[in-house]
Amino acid sequence: MSFAGHSVACVRGERLVFENLDFSVAPGGALVVMGPNGSGKTSLLRLAAGRAAPAAGGFTWDGEPISVTPEALNARTAFVGLLDAV
């Protein structure tokens, strides 16, 4: 099952954090997210996990938009943010 982002944009407050982001992760693959503080790494992960909605674009899991079956996305993923208890 592949996971992909298509033309994803993120706005936080009034600030455009990133836009036109495309990626694809093949089954068994990994996505490495790198960048300086404030570049949108955690925001991207929150969007990809369905915890927030992108300003533009979207994500697919095996070709189907994650917004169609949020229950299936929740069953296949886990998100532990910076402020979540471990």
PDB file of N, CA and C in Angstrom:
ATOM      1  N   MET A   1       0.834  -1.178   0.000  1.00  0.00           N
ATOM      2  CA  MET A   1       0.000   0.000   0.000  1.00  0.00           C
ATOM      3  C   MET A   1       0.881   1.243   0.000  1.00  0.00           C
ATOM      4  N   SER A   2       0.783   2.051  -1.010  1.00  0.00           N
ATOM      5  CA  SER A   2       1.584   3.261  -1.076  1.00  0.00           C
ATOM      6  C   SER A   2       0.860   4.418  -0.383  1.00  0.00           C
ATOM      7  N   PHE A   3       1.644   5.362   0.094  1.00  0.00           N
ATOM      8  CA  PHE A   3       1.129   6.566   0.729  1.00  0.00           C
ATOM      9  C   PHE A   3       1.715   7.749  -0.029  1.00  0.00           C
ATOM     10  N   ALA A   4       0.890   8.744  -0.361  1.00  0.00           N
ATOM     11  CA  ALA A   4       1.383   9.857  -1.169  1.00  0.00           C
ATOM     12  C   ALA A   4       0.719  11.161  -0.773  1.00  0.00           C
ATOM     13  N   GLY A   5       1.457  12.248  -0.990  1.00  0.00           N
ATOM     14  CA  GLY A   5       0.939  13.599  -0.826  1.00  0.00           C
ATOM     15  C   GLY A   5       0.944  14.266  -2.192  1.00  0.00           C
ATOM     16  N   HIS A   6      -0.112  15.007  -2.492  1.00  0.00           N
ATOM     17  CA  HIS A   6      -0.271  15.612  -3.810  1.00  0.00           C
ATOM     18  C   HIS A   6      -0.541  17.109  -3.675  1.00  0.00           C
ATOM     19  N   SER A   7       0.398  17.935  -4.111  1.00  0.00           N
ATOM     20  CA  SER A   7       0.242  19.403  -4.104  1.00  0.00           C
ATOM     21  C   SER A   7      -0.209  19.922  -2.741  1.00  0.00           C
ATOM     22  N   VAL A   8       0.371  19.395  -1.680  1.00  0.00           N
ATOM     23  CA  VAL A   8      -0.036  19.743  -0.317  1.00  0.00           C
ATOM     24  C   VAL A   8       0.487  21.133   0.063  1.00  0.00           C
ATOM     25  N   ALA A   9      -0.375  21.911   0.687  1.00  0.00           N
ATOM     26  CA  ALA A   9      -0.011  23.223   1.218  1.00  0.00           C
ATOM     27  C   ALA A   9      -0.442  23.306   2.672  1.00  0.00           C
ATOM     28  N   CYS A  10       0.323  24.037   3.458  1.00  0.00           N
ATOM     29  CA  CYS A  10       0.028  24.209   4.880  1.00  0.00           C
ATOM     30  C   CYS A  10       0.093  25.687   5.236  1.00  0.00           C
ATOM     31  N   VAL A  11      -0.949  26.157   5.897  1.00  0.00           N
ATOM     32  CA  VAL A  11      -0.994  27.529   6.400  1.00  0.00           C
ATOM     33  C   VAL A  11      -1.195  27.450   7.905  1.00  0.00           C
ATOM     34  N   ARG A  12      -0.353  28.145   8.645  1.00  0.00           N
ATOM     35  CA  ARG A  12      -0.476  28.215  10.110  1.00  0.00           C
ATOM     36  C   ARG A  12      -0.708  29.674  10.475  1.00  0.00           C
ATOM     37  N   GLY A  13      -1.873  29.979  11.031  1.00  0.00           N
ATOM     38  CA  GLY A  13      -2.218  31.373  11.281  1.00  0.00           C
ATOM     39  C   GLY A  13      -2.355  32.078   9.940  1.00  0.00           C
ATOM     40  N   GLU A  14      -1.599  33.098   9.727  1.00  0.00           N
ATOM     41  CA  GLU A  14      -1.584  33.829   8.459  1.00  0.00           C
ATOM     42  C   GLU A  14      -0.391  33.446   7.597  1.00  0.00           C
ATOM     43  N   ARG A  15       0.447  32.528   8.058  1.00  0.00           N
ATOM     44  CA  ARG A  15       1.717  32.212   7.409  1.00  0.00           C
ATOM     45  C   ARG A  15       1.625  30.956   6.535  1.00  0.00           C
ATOM     46  N   LEU A  16       2.027  31.100   5.273  1.00  0.00           N
ATOM     47  CA  LEU A  16       2.152  29.937   4.389  1.00  0.00           C
ATOM     48  C   LEU A  16       3.441  29.223   4.762  1.00  0.00           C
ATOM     49  N   VAL A  17       3.322  28.004   5.263  1.00  0.00           N
ATOM     50  CA  VAL A  17       4.491  27.254   5.727  1.00  0.00           C
ATOM     51  C   VAL A  17       5.147  26.527   4.559  1.00  0.00           C
ATOM     52  N   PHE A  18       4.346  25.844   3.734  1.00  0.00           N
ATOM     53  CA  PHE A  18       4.848  25.209   2.514  1.00  0.00           C
ATOM     54  C   PHE A  18       3.688  25.028   1.550  1.00  0.00           C
ATOM     55  N   GLU A  19       4.031  24.823   0.274  1.00  0.00           N
ATOM     56  CA  GLU A  19       3.015  24.593  -0.745  1.00  0.00           C
ATOM     57  C   GLU A  19       3.581  23.719  -1.847  1.00  0.00           C
ATOM     58  N   ASN A  20       2.677  23.142  -2.646  1.00  0.00           N
ATOM     59  CA  ASN A  20       3.045  22.304  -3.795  1.00  0.00           C
ATOM     60  C   ASN A  20       3.978  21.157  -3.419  1.00  0.00           C
ATOM     61  N   LEU A  21       3.753  20.561  -2.265  1.00  0.00           N
ATOM     62  CA  LEU A  21       4.578  19.445  -1.802  1.00  0.00           C
ATOM     63  C   LEU A  21       4.024  18.140  -2.359  1.00  0.00           C
ATOM     64  N   ASP A  22       4.866  17.398  -3.050  1.00  0.00           N
ATOM     65  CA  ASP A  22       4.504  16.084  -3.593  1.00  0.00           C
ATOM     66  C   ASP A  22       5.491  15.048  -3.088  1.00  0.00           C
ATOM     67  N   PHE A  23       4.986  13.887  -2.712  1.00  0.00           N
ATOM     68  CA  PHE A  23       5.849  12.775  -2.340  1.00  0.00           C
ATOM     69  C   PHE A  23       5.080  11.473  -2.487  1.00  0.00           C
ATOM     70  N   SER A  24       5.802  10.384  -2.540  1.00  0.00           N
ATOM     71  CA  SER A  24       5.201   9.061  -2.577  1.00  0.00           C
ATOM     72  C   SER A  24       6.105   8.111  -1.811  1.00  0.00           C
ATOM     73  N   VAL A  25       5.502   7.271  -0.996  1.00  0.00           N
ATOM     74  CA  VAL A  25       6.245   6.280  -0.216  1.00  0.00           C
ATOM     75  C   VAL A  25       5.719   4.904  -0.596  1.00  0.00           C
ATOM     76  N   ALA A  26       6.594   4.069  -1.124  1.00  0.00           N
ATOM     77  CA  ALA A  26       6.221   2.713  -1.527  1.00  0.00           C
ATOM     78  C   ALA A  26       6.070   1.816  -0.301  1.00  0.00           C
ATOM     79  N   PRO A  27       5.355   0.721  -0.448  1.00  0.00           N
ATOM     80  CA  PRO A  27       5.240  -0.233   0.659  1.00  0.00           C
ATOM     81  C   PRO A  27       6.609  -0.628   1.185  1.00  0.00           C
ATOM     82  N   GLY A  28       6.772  -0.586   2.497  1.00  0.00           N
ATOM     83  CA  GLY A  28       8.046  -0.930   3.125  1.00  0.00           C
ATOM     84  C   GLY A  28       9.053   0.208   3.099  1.00  0.00           C
ATOM     85  N   GLY A  29       8.691   1.326   2.482  1.00  0.00           N
ATOM     86  CA  GLY A  29       9.595   2.465   2.372  1.00  0.00           C
ATOM     87  C   GLY A  29       9.476   3.396   3.564  1.00  0.00           C
ATOM     88  N   ALA A  30      10.271   4.446   3.529  1.00  0.00           N
ATOM     89  CA  ALA A  30      10.264   5.448   4.591  1.00  0.00           C
ATOM     90  C   ALA A  30      10.358   6.832   3.971  1.00  0.00           C
ATOM     91  N   LEU A  31       9.794   7.788   4.647  1.00  0.00           N
ATOM     92  CA  LEU A  31       9.877   9.181   4.243  1.00  0.00           C
ATOM     93  C   LEU A  31      10.677   9.907   5.307  1.00  0.00           C
ATOM     94  N   VAL A  32      11.772  10.530   4.924  1.00  0.00           N
ATOM     95  CA  VAL A  32      12.597  11.296   5.849  1.00  0.00           C
ATOM     96  C   VAL A  32      12.225  12.765   5.685  1.00  0.00           C
ATOM     97  N   VAL A  33      11.809  13.388   6.776  1.00  0.00           N
ATOM     98  CA  VAL A  33      11.410  14.790   6.763  1.00  0.00           C
ATOM     99  C   VAL A  33      12.467  15.584   7.523  1.00  0.00           C
ATOM    100  N   MET A  34      13.152  16.470   6.802  1.00  0.00           N
ATOM    101  CA  MET A  34      14.234  17.250   7.407  1.00  0.00           C
ATOM    102  C   MET A  34      14.030  18.730   7.109  1.00  0.00           C
ATOM    103  N   GLY A  35      14.504  19.570   8.001  1.00  0.00           N
ATOM    104  CA  GLY A  35      14.443  21.009   7.777  1.00  0.00           C
ATOM    105  C   GLY A  35      14.678  21.752   9.071  1.00  0.00           C
ATOM    106  N   PRO A  36      14.911  23.050   8.965  1.00  0.00           N
ATOM    107  CA  PRO A  36      15.145  23.855  10.169  1.00  0.00           C
ATOM    108  C   PRO A  36      13.867  24.035  10.980  1.00  0.00           C
ATOM    109  N   ASN A  37      14.019  24.542  12.203  1.00  0.00           N
ATOM    110  CA  ASN A  37      12.860  24.837  13.043  1.00  0.00           C
ATOM    111  C   ASN A  37      11.913  25.758  12.291  1.00  0.00           C
ATOM    112  N   GLY A  38      10.627  25.457  12.373  1.00  0.00           N
ATOM    113  CA  GLY A  38       9.621  26.299  11.751  1.00  0.00           C
ATOM    114  C   GLY A  38       9.388  26.045  10.276  1.00  0.00           C
ATOM    115  N   SER A  39      10.030  25.023   9.725  1.00  0.00           N
ATOM    116  CA  SER A  39       9.868  24.765   8.293  1.00  0.00           C
ATOM    117  C   SER A  39       8.645  23.921   7.968  1.00  0.00           C
ATOM    118  N   GLY A  40       7.974  23.384   8.994  1.00  0.00           N
ATOM    119  CA  GLY A  40       6.734  22.660   8.765  1.00  0.00           C
ATOM    120  C   GLY A  40       6.810  21.150   8.888  1.00  0.00           C
ATOM    121  N   LYS A  41       7.861  20.626   9.479  1.00  0.00           N
ATOM    122  CA  LYS A  41       7.996  19.167   9.603  1.00  0.00           C
ATOM    123  C   LYS A  41       6.847  18.565  10.403  1.00  0.00           C
ATOM    124  N   THR A  42       6.612  19.070  11.594  1.00  0.00           N
ATOM    125  CA  THR A  42       5.545  18.536  12.437  1.00  0.00           C
ATOM    126  C   THR A  42       4.184  18.824  11.818  1.00  0.00           C
ATOM    127  N   SER A  43       4.031  19.988  11.209  1.00  0.00           N
ATOM    128  CA  SER A  43       2.771  20.311  10.538  1.00  0.00           C
ATOM    129  C   SER A  43       2.481  19.309   9.425  1.00  0.00           C
ATOM    130  N   LEU A  44       3.500  18.961   8.641  1.00  0.00           N
ATOM    131  CA  LEU A  44       3.323  17.957   7.585  1.00  0.00           C
ATOM    132  C   LEU A  44       2.896  16.626   8.183  1.00  0.00           C
ATOM    133  N   LEU A  45       3.519  16.205   9.250  1.00  0.00           N
ATOM    134  CA  LEU A  45       3.166  14.923   9.870  1.00  0.00           C
ATOM    135  C   LEU A  45       1.744  14.956  10.417  1.00  0.00           C
ATOM    136  N   ARG A  46       1.330  16.077  10.999  1.00  0.00           N
ATOM    137  CA  ARG A  46      -0.057  16.201  11.487  1.00  0.00           C
ATOM    138  C   ARG A  46      -1.052  16.122  10.332  1.00  0.00           C
ATOM    139  N   LEU A  47      -0.735  16.778   9.220  1.00  0.00           N
ATOM    140  CA  LEU A  47      -1.609  16.713   8.045  1.00  0.00           C
ATOM    141  C   LEU A  47      -1.695  15.283   7.517  1.00  0.00           C
ATOM    142  N   ALA A  48      -0.540  14.641   7.380  1.00  0.00           N
ATOM    143  CA  ALA A  48      -0.488  13.283   6.826  1.00  0.00           C
ATOM    144  C   ALA A  48      -1.211  12.276   7.718  1.00  0.00           C
ATOM    145  N   ALA A  49      -1.231  12.541   9.013  1.00  0.00           N
ATOM    146  CA  ALA A  49      -1.916  11.644   9.949  1.00  0.00           C
ATOM    147  C   ALA A  49      -3.406  11.954  10.055  1.00  0.00           C
ATOM    148  N   GLY A  50      -3.859  12.972   9.320  1.00  0.00           N
ATOM    149  CA  GLY A  50      -5.276  13.316   9.363  1.00  0.00           C
ATOM    150  C   GLY A  50      -5.675  14.110  10.585  1.00  0.00           C
ATOM    151  N   ARG A  51      -4.709  14.655  11.320  1.00  0.00           N
ATOM    152  CA  ARG A  51      -4.999  15.432  12.529  1.00  0.00           C
ATOM    153  C   ARG A  51      -5.336  16.885  12.215  1.00  0.00           C
ATOM    154  N   ALA A  52      -5.068  17.302  10.978  1.00  0.00           N
ATOM    155  CA  ALA A  52      -5.407  18.652  10.508  1.00  0.00           C
ATOM    156  C   ALA A  52      -5.643  18.557   9.005  1.00  0.00           C
ATOM    157  N   ALA A  53      -6.320  19.548   8.465  1.00  0.00           N
ATOM    158  CA  ALA A  53      -6.616  19.552   7.028  1.00  0.00           C
ATOM    159  C   ALA A  53      -5.626  20.447   6.288  1.00  0.00           C
ATOM    160  N   PRO A  54      -5.129  19.994   5.143  1.00  0.00           N
ATOM    161  CA  PRO A  54      -4.219  20.843   4.365  1.00  0.00           C
ATOM    162  C   PRO A  54      -4.961  22.046   3.777  1.00  0.00           C
ATOM    163  N   ALA A  55      -4.230  23.133   3.563  1.00  0.00           N
ATOM    164  CA  ALA A  55      -4.812  24.320   2.922  1.00  0.00           C
ATOM    165  C   ALA A  55      -5.098  24.040   1.453  1.00  0.00           C
ATOM    166  N   ALA A  56      -4.345  23.137   0.865  1.00  0.00           N
ATOM    167  CA  ALA A  56      -4.549  22.721  -0.528  1.00  0.00           C
ATOM    168  C   ALA A  56      -3.976  21.324  -0.681  1.00  0.00           C
ATOM    169  N   GLY A  57      -4.409  20.637  -1.717  1.00  0.00           N
ATOM    170  CA  GLY A  57      -3.904  19.292  -1.992  1.00  0.00           C
ATOM    171  C   GLY A  57      -4.464  18.268  -1.027  1.00  0.00           C
ATOM    172  N   GLY A  58      -3.831  17.104  -0.992  1.00  0.00           N
ATOM    173  CA  GLY A  58      -4.300  16.047  -0.116  1.00  0.00           C
ATOM    174  C   GLY A  58      -3.387  14.838  -0.131  1.00  0.00           C
ATOM    175  N   PHE A  59      -3.833  13.802   0.542  1.00  0.00           N
ATOM    176  CA  PHE A  59      -3.052  12.586   0.720  1.00  0.00           C
ATOM    177  C   PHE A  59      -3.859  11.378   0.267  1.00  0.00           C
ATOM    178  N   THR A  60      -3.168  10.393  -0.261  1.00  0.00           N
ATOM    179  CA  THR A  60      -3.831   9.155  -0.644  1.00  0.00           C
ATOM    180  C   THR A  60      -3.102   7.969  -0.027  1.00  0.00           C
ATOM    181  N   TRP A  61      -3.883   6.958   0.279  1.00  0.00           N
ATOM    182  CA  TRP A  61      -3.347   5.685   0.764  1.00  0.00           C
ATOM    183  C   TRP A  61      -3.814   4.645  -0.234  1.00  0.00           C
ATOM    184  N   ASP A  62      -2.883   4.055  -0.940  1.00  0.00           N
ATOM    185  CA  ASP A  62      -3.175   3.072  -1.976  1.00  0.00           C
ATOM    186  C   ASP A  62      -4.127   3.646  -3.026  1.00  0.00           C
ATOM    187  N   GLY A  63      -3.908   4.936  -3.354  1.00  0.00           N
ATOM    188  CA  GLY A  63      -4.679   5.593  -4.387  1.00  0.00           C
ATOM    189  C   GLY A  63      -5.996   6.205  -3.956  1.00  0.00           C
ATOM    190  N   GLU A  64      -6.440   5.950  -2.736  1.00  0.00           N
ATOM    191  CA  GLU A  64      -7.710   6.483  -2.249  1.00  0.00           C
ATOM    192  C   GLU A  64      -7.460   7.621  -1.278  1.00  0.00           C
ATOM    193  N   PRO A  65      -8.166   8.747  -1.429  1.00  0.00           N
ATOM    194  CA  PRO A  65      -7.972   9.871  -0.500  1.00  0.00           C
ATOM    195  C   PRO A  65      -8.196   9.446   0.949  1.00  0.00           C
ATOM    196  N   ILE A  66      -7.312   9.885   1.835  1.00  0.00           N
ATOM    197  CA  ILE A  66      -7.446   9.484   3.242  1.00  0.00           C
ATOM    198  C   ILE A  66      -8.709  10.049   3.858  1.00  0.00           C
ATOM    199  N   SER A  67      -9.249  11.123   3.294  1.00  0.00           N
ATOM    200  CA  SER A  67     -10.463  11.724   3.846  1.00  0.00           C
ATOM    201  C   SER A  67     -11.696  10.844   3.632  1.00  0.00           C
ATOM    202  N   VAL A  68     -11.629   9.910   2.693  1.00  0.00           N
ATOM    203  CA  VAL A  68     -12.773   9.045   2.402  1.00  0.00           C
ATOM    204  C   VAL A  68     -12.975   8.016   3.507  1.00  0.00           C
ATOM    205  N   THR A  69     -11.879   7.481   4.032  1.00  0.00           N
ATOM    206  CA  THR A  69     -11.971   6.445   5.072  1.00  0.00           C
ATOM    207  C   THR A  69     -11.055   6.800   6.246  1.00  0.00           C
ATOM    208  N   PRO A  70     -11.403   7.823   7.035  1.00  0.00           N
ATOM    209  CA  PRO A  70     -10.535   8.197   8.151  1.00  0.00           C
ATOM    210  C   PRO A  70     -10.359   7.078   9.176  1.00  0.00           C
ATOM    211  N   GLU A  71     -11.353   6.208   9.313  1.00  0.00           N
ATOM    212  CA  GLU A  71     -11.235   5.093  10.255  1.00  0.00           C
ATOM    213  C   GLU A  71     -10.109   4.148   9.836  1.00  0.00           C
ATOM    214  N   ALA A  72      -9.999   3.884   8.542  1.00  0.00           N
ATOM    215  CA  ALA A  72      -8.934   3.008   8.046  1.00  0.00           C
ATOM    216  C   ALA A  72      -7.571   3.645   8.262  1.00  0.00           C
ATOM    217  N   LEU A  73      -7.471   4.957   8.040  1.00  0.00           N
ATOM    218  CA  LEU A  73      -6.202   5.649   8.285  1.00  0.00           C
ATOM    219  C   LEU A  73      -5.826   5.549   9.751  1.00  0.00           C
ATOM    220  N   ASN A  74      -6.777   5.782  10.640  1.00  0.00           N
ATOM    221  CA  ASN A  74      -6.504   5.701  12.078  1.00  0.00           C
ATOM    222  C   ASN A  74      -6.078   4.304  12.500  1.00  0.00           C
ATOM    223  N   ALA A  75      -6.605   3.276  11.848  1.00  0.00           N
ATOM    224  CA  ALA A  75      -6.243   1.897  12.184  1.00  0.00           C
ATOM    225  C   ALA A  75      -4.834   1.551  11.720  1.00  0.00           C
ATOM    226  N   ARG A  76      -4.305   2.282  10.706  1.00  0.00           N
ATOM    227  CA  ARG A  76      -2.995   1.956  10.145  1.00  0.00           C
ATOM    228  C   ARG A  76      -1.878   2.876  10.612  1.00  0.00           C
ATOM    229  N   THR A  77      -2.220   3.937  11.329  1.00  0.00           N
ATOM    230  CA  THR A  77      -1.201   4.923  11.698  1.00  0.00           C
ATOM    231  C   THR A  77      -1.258   5.251  13.178  1.00  0.00           C
ATOM    232  N   ALA A  78      -0.174   5.842  13.658  1.00  0.00           N
ATOM    233  CA  ALA A  78      -0.114   6.380  15.013  1.00  0.00           C
ATOM    234  C   ALA A  78       0.660   7.687  14.933  1.00  0.00           C
ATOM    235  N   PHE A  79       0.223   8.676  15.683  1.00  0.00           N
ATOM    236  CA  PHE A  79       0.908   9.962  15.708  1.00  0.00           C
ATOM    237  C   PHE A  79       1.185  10.326  17.146  1.00  0.00           C
ATOM    238  N   VAL A  80       2.447  10.529  17.463  1.00  0.00           N
ATOM    239  CA  VAL A  80       2.850  10.961  18.795  1.00  0.00           C
ATOM    240  C   VAL A  80       3.542  12.301  18.604  1.00  0.00           C
ATOM    241  N   GLY A  81       2.875  13.370  18.979  1.00  0.00           N
ATOM    242  CA  GLY A  81       3.425  14.712  18.808  1.00  0.00           C
ATOM    243  C   GLY A  81       4.359  15.085  19.941  1.00  0.00           C
ATOM    244  N   LEU A  82       4.900  16.276  19.848  1.00  0.00           N
ATOM    245  CA  LEU A  82       5.853  16.753  20.838  1.00  0.00           C
ATOM    246  C   LEU A  82       5.244  16.887  22.224  1.00  0.00           C
ATOM    247  N   LEU A  83       3.965  17.192  22.305  1.00  0.00           N
ATOM    248  CA  LEU A  83       3.336  17.426  23.594  1.00  0.00           C
ATOM    249  C   LEU A  83       2.507  16.252  24.081  1.00  0.00           C
ATOM    250  N   ASP A  84       2.440  15.175  23.305  1.00  0.00           N
ATOM    251  CA  ASP A  84       1.682  13.997  23.731  1.00  0.00           C
ATOM    252  C   ASP A  84       2.452  13.240  24.811  1.00  0.00           C
ATOM    253  N   ALA A  85       1.709  12.668  25.746  1.00  0.00           N
ATOM    254  CA  ALA A  85       2.348  11.844  26.766  1.00  0.00           C
ATOM    255  C   ALA A  85       2.826  10.541  26.144  1.00  0.00           C
ATOM    256  N   VAL A  86       3.991  10.110  26.511  1.00  0.00           N
ATOM    257  CA  VAL A  86       4.546   8.858  25.973  1.00  0.00           C
ATOM    258  C   VAL A  86       4.418   7.781  27.022  1.00  0.00           C
TER     259      VAL A  86
END
